[in-house]
Amino acid sequence: MYIAVNEQHIKALWEHFQVLGSKDSKTGELFITRGGFQEALGYKDQPNLFLERVFQVFDTDGDTKVSEAEHDSPRTSRSNP
């Protein structure tokens, strides 16, 4: 799955990620949890199958959080392959 976005979108997404994210106390890496992701989209206490699937697309290692590395992965390509 690829999401085509332009440079302005990438900058806005990164800024949003930085505001919502937390820092890992051991590594200093920025991450966002599943709950934080759902809250950011207005679904804090409401299960949503679509949002769960979108979160899983980004959570490539299955640790229930999206790290900086996962956020910057090729899955968020700037253009379609």
C-alpha atoms as a PDB file:
ATOM      1  CA  MET A   1       0.000   0.000   0.000  1.00  0.00           C
ATOM      2  CA  TYR A   2       1.362   3.398  -0.964  1.00  0.00           C
ATOM      3  CA  ILE A   3       0.027   6.818  -0.087  1.00  0.00           C
ATOM      4  CA  ALA A   4       0.980   9.530  -2.555  1.00  0.00           C
ATOM      5  CA  VAL A   5       1.572  12.864  -0.839  1.00  0.00           C
ATOM      6  CA  ASN A   6       3.472  16.016  -1.672  1.00  0.00           C
ATOM      7  CA  GLU A   7       6.231  17.709   0.340  1.00  0.00           C
ATOM      8  CA  GLN A   8       3.742  19.998   2.098  1.00  0.00           C
ATOM      9  CA  HIS A   9       1.748  16.975   3.293  1.00  0.00           C
ATOM     10  CA  ILE A  10       4.876  15.254   4.562  1.00  0.00           C
ATOM     11  CA  LYS A  11       5.935  18.332   6.518  1.00  0.00           C
ATOM     12  CA  ALA A  12       2.457  18.712   8.049  1.00  0.00           C
ATOM     13  CA  LEU A  13       2.309  15.005   8.957  1.00  0.00           C
ATOM     14  CA  TRP A  14       5.749  15.142  10.588  1.00  0.00           C
ATOM     15  CA  GLU A  15       4.827  18.238  12.612  1.00  0.00           C
ATOM     16  CA  HIS A  16       1.611  16.564  13.741  1.00  0.00           C
ATOM     17  CA  PHE A  17       3.531  13.392  14.642  1.00  0.00           C
ATOM     18  CA  GLN A  18       5.961  15.428  16.758  1.00  0.00           C
ATOM     19  CA  VAL A  19       3.123  17.125  18.676  1.00  0.00           C
ATOM     20  CA  LEU A  20       1.253  13.872  19.368  1.00  0.00           C
ATOM     21  CA  GLY A  21       4.221  11.622  19.951  1.00  0.00           C
ATOM     22  CA  SER A  22       6.035  10.602  23.101  1.00  0.00           C
ATOM     23  CA  LYS A  23       9.754  10.001  23.561  1.00  0.00           C
ATOM     24  CA  ASP A  24      11.056   6.590  24.540  1.00  0.00           C
ATOM     25  CA  SER A  25      12.907   7.049  27.839  1.00  0.00           C
ATOM     26  CA  LYS A  26      15.677   4.621  26.830  1.00  0.00           C
ATOM     27  CA  THR A  27      16.298   5.464  23.178  1.00  0.00           C
ATOM     28  CA  GLY A  28      14.891   8.983  22.890  1.00  0.00           C
ATOM     29  CA  GLU A  29      13.003   7.889  19.785  1.00  0.00           C
ATOM     30  CA  LEU A  30       9.668   9.526  19.121  1.00  0.00           C
ATOM     31  CA  PHE A  31       6.615   7.250  18.874  1.00  0.00           C
ATOM     32  CA  ILE A  32       2.817   7.344  18.941  1.00  0.00           C
ATOM     33  CA  THR A  33       0.662   4.658  20.515  1.00  0.00           C
ATOM     34  CA  ARG A  34      -2.500   3.140  19.076  1.00  0.00           C
ATOM     35  CA  GLY A  35      -4.509   5.117  21.647  1.00  0.00           C
ATOM     36  CA  GLY A  36      -2.737   8.346  20.758  1.00  0.00           C
ATOM     37  CA  PHE A  37      -3.358   7.691  17.087  1.00  0.00           C
ATOM     38  CA  GLN A  38      -7.075   7.099  17.646  1.00  0.00           C
ATOM     39  CA  GLU A  39      -7.370  10.107  19.959  1.00  0.00           C
ATOM     40  CA  ALA A  40      -5.705  12.345  17.363  1.00  0.00           C
ATOM     41  CA  LEU A  41      -8.400  11.323  14.903  1.00  0.00           C
ATOM     42  CA  GLY A  42     -11.235  11.852  17.386  1.00  0.00           C
ATOM     43  CA  TYR A  43     -11.869   8.189  18.224  1.00  0.00           C
ATOM     44  CA  LYS A  44     -10.365   7.968  21.720  1.00  0.00           C
ATOM     45  CA  ASP A  45     -12.952   5.653  23.280  1.00  0.00           C
ATOM     46  CA  GLN A  46     -14.558   4.247  20.153  1.00  0.00           C
ATOM     47  CA  PRO A  47     -13.266   1.060  18.528  1.00  0.00           C
ATOM     48  CA  ASN A  48     -12.887   1.548  14.803  1.00  0.00           C
ATOM     49  CA  LEU A  49     -11.878  -1.305  12.503  1.00  0.00           C
ATOM     50  CA  PHE A  50     -10.686   1.030   9.724  1.00  0.00           C
ATOM     51  CA  LEU A  51      -8.420   3.031  12.052  1.00  0.00           C
ATOM     52  CA  GLU A  52      -7.084  -0.194  13.539  1.00  0.00           C
ATOM     53  CA  ARG A  53      -6.113  -1.397  10.064  1.00  0.00           C
ATOM     54  CA  VAL A  54      -4.491   1.920   9.141  1.00  0.00           C
ATOM     55  CA  PHE A  55      -2.512   1.797  12.390  1.00  0.00           C
ATOM     56  CA  GLN A  56      -1.366  -1.763  11.597  1.00  0.00           C
ATOM     57  CA  VAL A  57      -0.084  -0.616   8.198  1.00  0.00           C
ATOM     58  CA  PHE A  58       2.306   1.799   9.920  1.00  0.00           C
ATOM     59  CA  ASP A  59       3.148  -0.438  12.911  1.00  0.00           C
ATOM     60  CA  THR A  60       5.398  -2.659  10.818  1.00  0.00           C
ATOM     61  CA  ASP A  61       7.058  -4.430  13.763  1.00  0.00           C
ATOM     62  CA  GLY A  62       3.798  -5.080  15.640  1.00  0.00           C
ATOM     63  CA  ASP A  63       4.870  -3.459  18.912  1.00  0.00           C
ATOM     64  CA  THR A  64       1.600  -1.434  19.187  1.00  0.00           C
ATOM     65  CA  LYS A  65       3.314   1.882  18.547  1.00  0.00           C
ATOM     66  CA  VAL A  66       4.484   3.746  15.464  1.00  0.00           C
ATOM     67  CA  SER A  67       8.086   4.886  15.806  1.00  0.00           C
ATOM     68  CA  GLU A  68       9.958   7.545  13.864  1.00  0.00           C
ATOM     69  CA  ALA A  69      11.484   4.829  11.691  1.00  0.00           C
ATOM     70  CA  GLU A  70       8.069   3.360  10.890  1.00  0.00           C
ATOM     71  CA  HIS A  71       6.630   6.828  10.247  1.00  0.00           C
ATOM     72  CA  ASP A  72       9.407   7.450   7.729  1.00  0.00           C
ATOM     73  CA  SER A  73       9.145   4.028   6.085  1.00  0.00           C
ATOM     74  CA  PRO A  74       8.704   3.543   2.332  1.00  0.00           C
ATOM     75  CA  ARG A  75       5.032   2.737   2.956  1.00  0.00           C
ATOM     76  CA  THR A  76       4.469   6.484   3.117  1.00  0.00           C
ATOM     77  CA  SER A  77       5.991   7.020  -0.301  1.00  0.00           C
ATOM     78  CA  ARG A  78       5.839  10.457  -1.882  1.00  0.00           C
ATOM     79  CA  SER A  79       4.638   8.973  -5.134  1.00  0.00           C
ATOM     80  CA  ASN A  80       3.065   5.804  -6.391  1.00  0.00           C
ATOM     81  CA  PRO A  81       5.583   3.167  -7.491  1.00  0.00           C
END
